[in-house]
Each structure stands twice: as structure tokens, then as C-alpha cells.
C-alpha atoms as a PDB file:
ATOM      1  CA  UNK A   1      16.765  43.493  24.037  1.00  0.00           C
ATOM      2  CA  UNK A   2      15.857  40.306  25.785  1.00  0.00           C
ATOM      3  CA  UNK A   3      18.336  39.274  28.434  1.00  0.00           C
ATOM      4  CA  UNK A   4      20.999  41.234  26.589  1.00  0.00           C
ATOM      5  CA  UNK A   5      20.269  39.637  23.225  1.00  0.00           C
ATOM      6  CA  UNK A   6      19.088  41.556  20.224  1.00  0.00           C
ATOM      7  CA  UNK A   7      15.690  40.710  18.677  1.00  0.00           C
ATOM      8  CA  UNK A   8      15.522  40.471  14.901  1.00  0.00           C
ATOM      9  CA  UNK A   9      12.465  39.431  12.889  1.00  0.00           C
ATOM     10  CA  UNK A  10      12.767  37.524   9.612  1.00  0.00           C
ATOM     11  CA  UNK A  11      10.067  37.393   6.936  1.00  0.00           C
ATOM     12  CA  UNK A  12       9.932  35.091   3.935  1.00  0.00           C
ATOM     13  CA  UNK A  13       6.712  36.044   2.168  1.00  0.00           C
ATOM     14  CA  UNK A  14       5.783  39.322   0.589  1.00  0.00           C
ATOM     15  CA  UNK A  15       2.193  38.133   0.064  1.00  0.00           C
ATOM     16  CA  UNK A  16       1.788  37.305   3.796  1.00  0.00           C
ATOM     17  CA  UNK A  17       3.042  40.788   4.773  1.00  0.00           C
ATOM     18  CA  UNK A  18       0.594  42.510   2.404  1.00  0.00           C
ATOM     19  CA  UNK A  19      -2.281  40.356   3.746  1.00  0.00           C
ATOM     20  CA  UNK A  20      -1.880  41.602   7.306  1.00  0.00           C
ATOM     21  CA  UNK A  21      -4.817  43.858   8.206  1.00  0.00           C
ATOM     22  CA  UNK A  22      -6.675  45.481  11.101  1.00  0.00           C
ATOM     23  CA  UNK A  23      -5.464  44.813  14.633  1.00  0.00           C
ATOM     24  CA  UNK A  24      -2.740  42.448  13.410  1.00  0.00           C
ATOM     25  CA  UNK A  25      -1.218  45.208  11.314  1.00  0.00           C
ATOM     26  CA  UNK A  26      -1.240  47.548  14.362  1.00  0.00           C
ATOM     27  CA  UNK A  27       0.254  44.816  16.602  1.00  0.00           C
ATOM     28  CA  UNK A  28       2.863  43.918  13.972  1.00  0.00           C
ATOM     29  CA  UNK A  29       3.905  47.566  13.594  1.00  0.00           C
ATOM     30  CA  UNK A  30       4.304  47.922  17.382  1.00  0.00           C
ATOM     31  CA  UNK A  31       6.269  44.682  17.765  1.00  0.00           C
ATOM     32  CA  UNK A  32       8.579  45.344  14.798  1.00  0.00           C
ATOM     33  CA  UNK A  33       9.310  48.900  15.928  1.00  0.00           C
ATOM     34  CA  UNK A  34      10.208  47.505  19.366  1.00  0.00           C
ATOM     35  CA  UNK A  35      12.698  45.024  17.846  1.00  0.00           C
ATOM     36  CA  UNK A  36      16.249  45.744  16.735  1.00  0.00           C
ATOM     37  CA  UNK A  37      15.655  45.077  13.089  1.00  0.00           C
ATOM     38  CA  UNK A  38      13.830  43.112  10.406  1.00  0.00           C
ATOM     39  CA  UNK A  39      15.097  40.937   7.620  1.00  0.00           C
ATOM     40  CA  UNK A  40      13.499  40.218   4.225  1.00  0.00           C
ATOM     41  CA  UNK A  41      14.751  37.359   2.129  1.00  0.00           C
ATOM     42  CA  UNK A  42      14.506  39.499  -1.026  1.00  0.00           C
ATOM     43  CA  UNK A  43      14.030  43.176  -1.855  1.00  0.00           C
ATOM     44  CA  UNK A  44      10.262  42.730  -2.454  1.00  0.00           C
ATOM     45  CA  UNK A  45       9.777  41.324   1.061  1.00  0.00           C
ATOM     46  CA  UNK A  46      11.914  44.087   2.587  1.00  0.00           C
ATOM     47  CA  UNK A  47      10.008  46.867   0.878  1.00  0.00           C
ATOM     48  CA  UNK A  48       6.684  45.253   1.906  1.00  0.00           C
ATOM     49  CA  UNK A  49       7.800  45.258   5.554  1.00  0.00           C
ATOM     50  CA  UNK A  50       8.712  48.955   5.274  1.00  0.00           C
ATOM     51  CA  UNK A  51       5.415  50.002   3.671  1.00  0.00           C
ATOM     52  CA  UNK A  52       3.013  47.747   5.521  1.00  0.00           C
ATOM     53  CA  UNK A  53       4.304  48.413   9.010  1.00  0.00           C
ATOM     54  CA  UNK A  54       5.769  51.914   8.485  1.00  0.00           C
ATOM     55  CA  UNK A  55       9.307  50.868   9.341  1.00  0.00           C
ATOM     56  CA  UNK A  56      12.223  53.148   8.641  1.00  0.00           C
ATOM     57  CA  UNK A  57      14.523  51.738   5.969  1.00  0.00           C
ATOM     58  CA  UNK A  58      17.499  51.700   8.378  1.00  0.00           C
ATOM     59  CA  UNK A  59      15.713  48.979  10.349  1.00  0.00           C
ATOM     60  CA  UNK A  60      15.115  46.677   7.411  1.00  0.00           C
ATOM     61  CA  UNK A  61      17.834  44.559   5.775  1.00  0.00           C
ATOM     62  CA  UNK A  62      17.785  42.091   2.881  1.00  0.00           C
ATOM     63  CA  UNK A  63      19.619  38.774   3.294  1.00  0.00           C
ATOM     64  CA  UNK A  64      18.953  36.445   0.400  1.00  0.00           C
ATOM     65  CA  UNK A  65      18.543  32.740   0.984  1.00  0.00           C
ATOM     66  CA  UNK A  66      21.600  30.562   0.390  1.00  0.00           C
ATOM     67  CA  UNK A  67      22.584  26.937   0.794  1.00  0.00           C
ATOM     68  CA  UNK A  68      25.702  24.965   1.813  1.00  0.00           C
ATOM     69  CA  UNK A  69      26.971  23.725  -1.566  1.00  0.00           C
ATOM     70  CA  UNK A  70      28.935  20.859   0.084  1.00  0.00           C
ATOM     71  CA  UNK A  71      25.621  19.096   0.943  1.00  0.00           C
ATOM     72  CA  UNK A  72      24.593  18.771  -2.654  1.00  0.00           C
ATOM     73  CA  UNK A  73      27.117  16.605  -4.449  1.00  0.00           C
ATOM     74  CA  UNK A  74      26.436  13.848  -6.973  1.00  0.00           C
ATOM     75  CA  UNK A  75      26.258  10.208  -5.708  1.00  0.00           C
ATOM     76  CA  UNK A  76      25.443   7.653  -8.364  1.00  0.00           C
ATOM     77  CA  UNK A  77      24.874   4.848  -5.823  1.00  0.00           C
ATOM     78  CA  UNK A  78      22.346   6.856  -3.753  1.00  0.00           C
ATOM     79  CA  UNK A  79      20.675   7.943  -7.010  1.00  0.00           C
ATOM     80  CA  UNK A  80      20.079   4.322  -8.013  1.00  0.00           C
ATOM     81  CA  UNK A  81      18.906   3.328  -4.511  1.00  0.00           C
ATOM     82  CA  UNK A  82      16.336   6.114  -4.303  1.00  0.00           C
ATOM     83  CA  UNK A  83      14.993   5.393  -7.767  1.00  0.00           C
ATOM     84  CA  UNK A  84      14.650   1.743  -6.832  1.00  0.00           C
ATOM     85  CA  UNK A  85      12.753   2.682  -3.648  1.00  0.00           C
ATOM     86  CA  UNK A  86      10.247   4.635  -5.775  1.00  0.00           C
ATOM     87  CA  UNK A  87       9.863   1.781  -8.240  1.00  0.00           C
ATOM     88  CA  UNK A  88      11.414   3.737 -11.115  1.00  0.00           C
ATOM     89  CA  UNK A  89      13.710   2.280 -13.811  1.00  0.00           C
ATOM     90  CA  UNK A  90      17.282   3.474 -13.996  1.00  0.00           C
ATOM     91  CA  UNK A  91      16.655   5.264 -17.372  1.00  0.00           C
ATOM     92  CA  UNK A  92      13.381   6.933 -16.325  1.00  0.00           C
ATOM     93  CA  UNK A  93      13.311  10.755 -16.478  1.00  0.00           C
ATOM     94  CA  UNK A  94      12.239  11.854 -13.029  1.00  0.00           C
ATOM     95  CA  UNK A  95      10.752  15.257 -12.365  1.00  0.00           C
ATOM     96  CA  UNK A  96      10.615  16.516  -8.766  1.00  0.00           C
ATOM     97  CA  UNK A  97       8.598  19.125  -6.870  1.00  0.00           C
ATOM     98  CA  UNK A  98       9.619  20.078  -3.315  1.00  0.00           C
ATOM     99  CA  UNK A  99       7.002  22.093  -1.447  1.00  0.00           C
ATOM    100  CA  UNK A 100       4.405  21.741   1.290  1.00  0.00           C
ATOM    101  CA  UNK A 101       0.921  20.942   0.079  1.00  0.00           C
ATOM    102  CA  UNK A 102      -0.820  24.329   0.067  1.00  0.00           C
ATOM    103  CA  UNK A 103      -3.071  25.667  -2.674  1.00  0.00           C
ATOM    104  CA  UNK A 104      -0.534  28.425  -3.386  1.00  0.00           C
ATOM    105  CA  UNK A 105       1.977  25.748  -4.530  1.00  0.00           C
ATOM    106  CA  UNK A 106      -0.304  24.883  -7.423  1.00  0.00           C
ATOM    107  CA  UNK A 107       0.261  21.083  -7.398  1.00  0.00           C
ATOM    108  CA  UNK A 108      -2.830  20.380  -9.567  1.00  0.00           C
ATOM    109  CA  UNK A 109      -1.434  22.622 -12.318  1.00  0.00           C
ATOM    110  CA  UNK A 110       1.794  20.629 -12.254  1.00  0.00           C
ATOM    111  CA  UNK A 111      -0.078  17.297 -12.372  1.00  0.00           C
ATOM    112  CA  UNK A 112      -2.085  18.414 -15.425  1.00  0.00           C
ATOM    113  CA  UNK A 113       1.123  19.473 -17.207  1.00  0.00           C
ATOM    114  CA  UNK A 114       2.716  16.201 -16.275  1.00  0.00           C
ATOM    115  CA  UNK A 115      -0.233  14.270 -17.790  1.00  0.00           C
ATOM    116  CA  UNK A 116       0.383  16.003 -21.108  1.00  0.00           C
ATOM    117  CA  UNK A 117       4.086  15.155 -21.042  1.00  0.00           C
ATOM    118  CA  UNK A 118       3.565  11.594 -19.926  1.00  0.00           C
ATOM    119  CA  UNK A 119       1.059  10.792 -22.756  1.00  0.00           C
ATOM    120  CA  UNK A 120       3.954  10.514 -25.162  1.00  0.00           C
ATOM    121  CA  UNK A 121       6.626   9.509 -22.753  1.00  0.00           C
ATOM    122  CA  UNK A 122       5.992   6.481 -20.578  1.00  0.00           C
ATOM    123  CA  UNK A 123       9.463   6.785 -19.083  1.00  0.00           C
ATOM    124  CA  UNK A 124       8.695  10.134 -17.388  1.00  0.00           C
ATOM    125  CA  UNK A 125       7.883  10.067 -13.669  1.00  0.00           C
ATOM    126  CA  UNK A 126       6.939  12.678 -11.060  1.00  0.00           C
ATOM    127  CA  UNK A 127       7.969  12.862  -7.387  1.00  0.00           C
ATOM    128  CA  UNK A 128       6.176  15.201  -4.944  1.00  0.00           C
ATOM    129  CA  UNK A 129       8.037  15.927  -1.729  1.00  0.00           C
ATOM    130  CA  UNK A 130       6.252  17.688   1.144  1.00  0.00           C
ATOM    131  CA  UNK A 131       3.214  17.466   3.357  1.00  0.00           C
ATOM    132  CA  UNK A 132      -0.047  19.155   4.156  1.00  0.00           C
ATOM    133  CA  UNK A 133      -1.159  20.105   7.655  1.00  0.00           C
ATOM    134  CA  UNK A 134      -4.511  19.113   9.137  1.00  0.00           C
ATOM    135  CA  UNK A 135      -6.506  22.160  10.144  1.00  0.00           C
ATOM    136  CA  UNK A 136      -4.851  24.383   7.520  1.00  0.00           C
ATOM    137  CA  UNK A 137      -7.580  25.809   5.306  1.00  0.00           C
ATOM    138  CA  UNK A 138      -5.052  25.932   2.426  1.00  0.00           C
ATOM    139  CA  UNK A 139      -4.025  22.243   2.780  1.00  0.00           C
ATOM    140  CA  UNK A 140      -4.200  20.751  -0.726  1.00  0.00           C
ATOM    141  CA  UNK A 141      -2.755  17.247  -0.006  1.00  0.00           C
ATOM    142  CA  UNK A 142      -6.180  15.474   0.065  1.00  0.00           C
ATOM    143  CA  UNK A 143      -7.162  17.079  -3.269  1.00  0.00           C
ATOM    144  CA  UNK A 144      -3.840  16.115  -4.899  1.00  0.00           C
ATOM    145  CA  UNK A 145      -4.097  12.487  -3.622  1.00  0.00           C
ATOM    146  CA  UNK A 146      -7.665  12.255  -4.972  1.00  0.00           C
ATOM    147  CA  UNK A 147      -6.659  13.638  -8.362  1.00  0.00           C
ATOM    148  CA  UNK A 148      -3.762  11.166  -8.685  1.00  0.00           C
ATOM    149  CA  UNK A 149      -6.106   8.286  -7.855  1.00  0.00           C
ATOM    150  CA  UNK A 150      -8.969   9.510 -10.096  1.00  0.00           C
ATOM    151  CA  UNK A 151      -6.652  10.037 -13.094  1.00  0.00           C
ATOM    152  CA  UNK A 152      -4.889   6.694 -12.632  1.00  0.00           C
ATOM    153  CA  UNK A 153      -1.504   8.342 -12.138  1.00  0.00           C
ATOM    154  CA  UNK A 154      -0.396   6.161  -9.191  1.00  0.00           C
ATOM    155  CA  UNK A 155       2.064   4.240 -11.374  1.00  0.00           C
ATOM    156  CA  UNK A 156       4.010   7.297 -12.446  1.00  0.00           C
ATOM    157  CA  UNK A 157       3.535   9.800  -9.544  1.00  0.00           C
ATOM    158  CA  UNK A 158       4.943   9.280  -6.057  1.00  0.00           C
ATOM    159  CA  UNK A 159       3.994  11.336  -2.974  1.00  0.00           C
ATOM    160  CA  UNK A 160       6.967  10.975  -0.640  1.00  0.00           C
ATOM    161  CA  UNK A 161       5.605  13.077   2.239  1.00  0.00           C
ATOM    162  CA  UNK A 162       7.919  15.024   4.532  1.00  0.00           C
ATOM    163  CA  UNK A 163      11.626  14.250   4.010  1.00  0.00           C
ATOM    164  CA  UNK A 164      14.473  15.445   6.196  1.00  0.00           C
ATOM    165  CA  UNK A 165      16.950  14.310   3.495  1.00  0.00           C
ATOM    166  CA  UNK A 166      15.896  16.493   0.564  1.00  0.00           C
ATOM    167  CA  UNK A 167      19.490  16.645  -0.670  1.00  0.00           C
ATOM    168  CA  UNK A 168      19.373  12.840  -1.039  1.00  0.00           C
ATOM    169  CA  UNK A 169      16.088  12.953  -2.955  1.00  0.00           C
ATOM    170  CA  UNK A 170      17.421  15.634  -5.311  1.00  0.00           C
ATOM    171  CA  UNK A 171      20.201  13.176  -6.368  1.00  0.00           C
ATOM    172  CA  UNK A 172      17.474  10.926  -7.812  1.00  0.00           C
ATOM    173  CA  UNK A 173      15.935  13.622 -10.019  1.00  0.00           C
ATOM    174  CA  UNK A 174      16.575  14.835 -13.538  1.00  0.00           C
ATOM    175  CA  UNK A 175      14.474  18.055 -13.422  1.00  0.00           C
ATOM    176  CA  UNK A 176      13.099  20.147 -10.533  1.00  0.00           C
ATOM    177  CA  UNK A 177       9.968  22.291 -10.797  1.00  0.00           C
ATOM    178  CA  UNK A 178       8.231  24.902  -8.672  1.00  0.00           C
ATOM    179  CA  UNK A 179       4.949  26.280 -10.028  1.00  0.00           C
ATOM    180  CA  UNK A 180       3.621  28.436  -7.164  1.00  0.00           C
ATOM    181  CA  UNK A 181       1.376  31.434  -7.602  1.00  0.00           C
ATOM    182  CA  UNK A 182       3.604  33.427  -5.192  1.00  0.00           C
ATOM    183  CA  UNK A 183       6.957  32.835  -3.436  1.00  0.00           C
ATOM    184  CA  UNK A 184       9.573  34.555  -1.388  1.00  0.00           C
ATOM    185  CA  UNK A 185      12.998  33.348  -2.449  1.00  0.00           C
ATOM    186  CA  UNK A 186      12.522  29.564  -2.845  1.00  0.00           C
ATOM    187  CA  UNK A 187      15.212  27.409  -1.219  1.00  0.00           C
ATOM    188  CA  UNK A 188      13.878  24.333  -3.077  1.00  0.00           C
ATOM    189  CA  UNK A 189      15.003  25.744  -6.436  1.00  0.00           C
ATOM    190  CA  UNK A 190      18.295  27.034  -5.089  1.00  0.00           C
ATOM    191  CA  UNK A 191      18.997  23.561  -3.605  1.00  0.00           C
ATOM    192  CA  UNK A 192      18.049  21.976  -6.933  1.00  0.00           C
ATOM    193  CA  UNK A 193      20.499  24.240  -8.751  1.00  0.00           C
ATOM    194  CA  UNK A 194      23.194  23.410  -6.177  1.00  0.00           C
ATOM    195  CA  UNK A 195      22.595  19.752  -7.120  1.00  0.00           C
ATOM    196  CA  UNK A 196      23.180  20.552 -10.780  1.00  0.00           C
ATOM    197  CA  UNK A 197      19.599  20.111 -11.887  1.00  0.00           C
ATOM    198  CA  UNK A 198      17.798  21.989 -14.634  1.00  0.00           C
ATOM    199  CA  UNK A 199      14.857  23.888 -13.126  1.00  0.00           C
ATOM    200  CA  UNK A 200      11.401  25.036 -14.324  1.00  0.00           C
ATOM    201  CA  UNK A 201       9.419  27.587 -12.446  1.00  0.00           C
ATOM    202  CA  UNK A 202       6.310  29.739 -12.729  1.00  0.00           C
ATOM    203  CA  UNK A 203       6.865  33.137 -14.234  1.00  0.00           C
ATOM    204  CA  UNK A 204       6.482  35.230 -11.073  1.00  0.00           C
ATOM    205  CA  UNK A 205       8.647  38.029  -9.747  1.00  0.00           C
ATOM    206  CA  UNK A 206      10.519  36.149  -6.999  1.00  0.00           C
ATOM    207  CA  UNK A 207      11.331  33.183  -9.277  1.00  0.00           C
ATOM    208  CA  UNK A 208      12.773  35.590 -11.822  1.00  0.00           C
ATOM    209  CA  UNK A 209      15.430  36.365  -9.200  1.00  0.00           C
ATOM    210  CA  UNK A 210      16.489  32.738  -9.314  1.00  0.00           C
ATOM    211  CA  UNK A 211      15.793  31.589 -12.862  1.00  0.00           C
ATOM    212  CA  UNK A 212      17.161  33.382 -15.955  1.00  0.00           C
ATOM    213  CA  UNK A 213      15.255  31.833 -18.869  1.00  0.00           C
ATOM    214  CA  UNK A 214      17.412  29.964 -21.339  1.00  0.00           C
ATOM    215  CA  UNK A 215      20.515  30.407 -19.082  1.00  0.00           C
ATOM    216  CA  UNK A 216      19.862  28.255 -15.979  1.00  0.00           C
ATOM    217  CA  UNK A 217      16.261  27.200 -16.367  1.00  0.00           C
ATOM    218  CA  UNK A 218      12.842  27.919 -17.840  1.00  0.00           C
ATOM    219  CA  UNK A 219       9.816  29.973 -16.770  1.00  0.00           C
ATOM    220  CA  UNK A 220       6.226  29.104 -17.579  1.00  0.00           C
ATOM    221  CA  UNK A 221       3.048  31.216 -17.284  1.00  0.00           C
ATOM    222  CA  UNK A 222       1.056  30.482 -14.117  1.00  0.00           C
END
């Protein structure tokens, strides 16, 4: 305990846990065993914490991500305003992708798929919400911006950067995608579902916990 408070560690990424090696694995095991418990946001993350750091199962708990449904209600006026800000027509079909710009999030794959769709549908637009971080070796934002420019996609793709009002942006969308190589339990798709949006995700284990193909969304091969 610290000053009478309990110390609990929360982990969101199974891949990050399994990548811990050497001295960091030893340090992590010591620190986690000295805490009062650890939380994984899905069963895969919880089991990875147990196996990677040798934690007893009684210390590890699974608490799945959730959202406040009251934040995600329809608002026709805000929908029109946000579309107008992006330069989109009221009847455009707008696809959204909410994720920081890291290579794992697979933005270039999404852009290539979008190009195929937009060849026959000039009314289809794409919105990318999120940011990259300078100094992060996995930062893909410069590559994404260059690709959009080189392919002449600037008229149909908008990079909105960091947004503290994601629930507002979701109101302007018609479809939400997440095409990562790996995920924990993605809040972005859960928030999209809370907004009533159809969702499309990559066919990976964690997204199968959220999307049931043909019932509440679609899964596509990575």
C-alpha cells in the first residue's frame, strides 16, 4: 500500500506484455507481485500477465472496457455541422477511423481499401481521427500524410488530428472501421457501436470479442 491506498496495475495490450523481455520482465514481475492486483481488459491480456510475470491467478482480474451510453446519442444538427466543417456534402457516406497513428493501426491498408471503394463511389469520404507522436519509432502519421498527398486523396480524406470530442465526431459518420494488426479491447469500436454505427474490423482475436460477423458488424482479413 502507498499511504494506505491499494496499488492496482491495469494493462490494455496482450502484445505489449508478451514483448517484455530481459531485465524489464524481471522488474515487472517484482513490481506486480508487490502490488495488490493486476487488471487485464480482456481474458487474453489477463492470461498474458499471469504467464509472462508468473502471477498467481488470484491476483489477476478481468474488467472489460465499457462506455457511458448517455454520451453517444444522435444529434442531427451536430452531424450536419461537423460534415460541413470537413467540406462534405449532407448525403456523402462518411467512413471513420479513430486511432493514434502507429504502424500497428494499419492506416495504409485502410487507405488502399478506401481507394478501391471510392473509385466507383465519389460520394464516399474517409475521416482519420488521432495523432502520431514525435520520437515514437512506430509513428506512422508522416507516412499516411505523404500517401494521401501522393495518391491525390486530399479531397476525400480528412486527417482531423487529436480530438477530445470523439463522441461528437462519431455523430457525423456512417461507418466506423478499425483495421489494426493487434488490439486489446478497442474502445473506439465500442463507442462507435454505442453511437449506433455499423462497424468493420480486422479479423483478429480481440476484435472478435466485439464484432460478431453479420450480426453487429463485419470482419476482414488483415
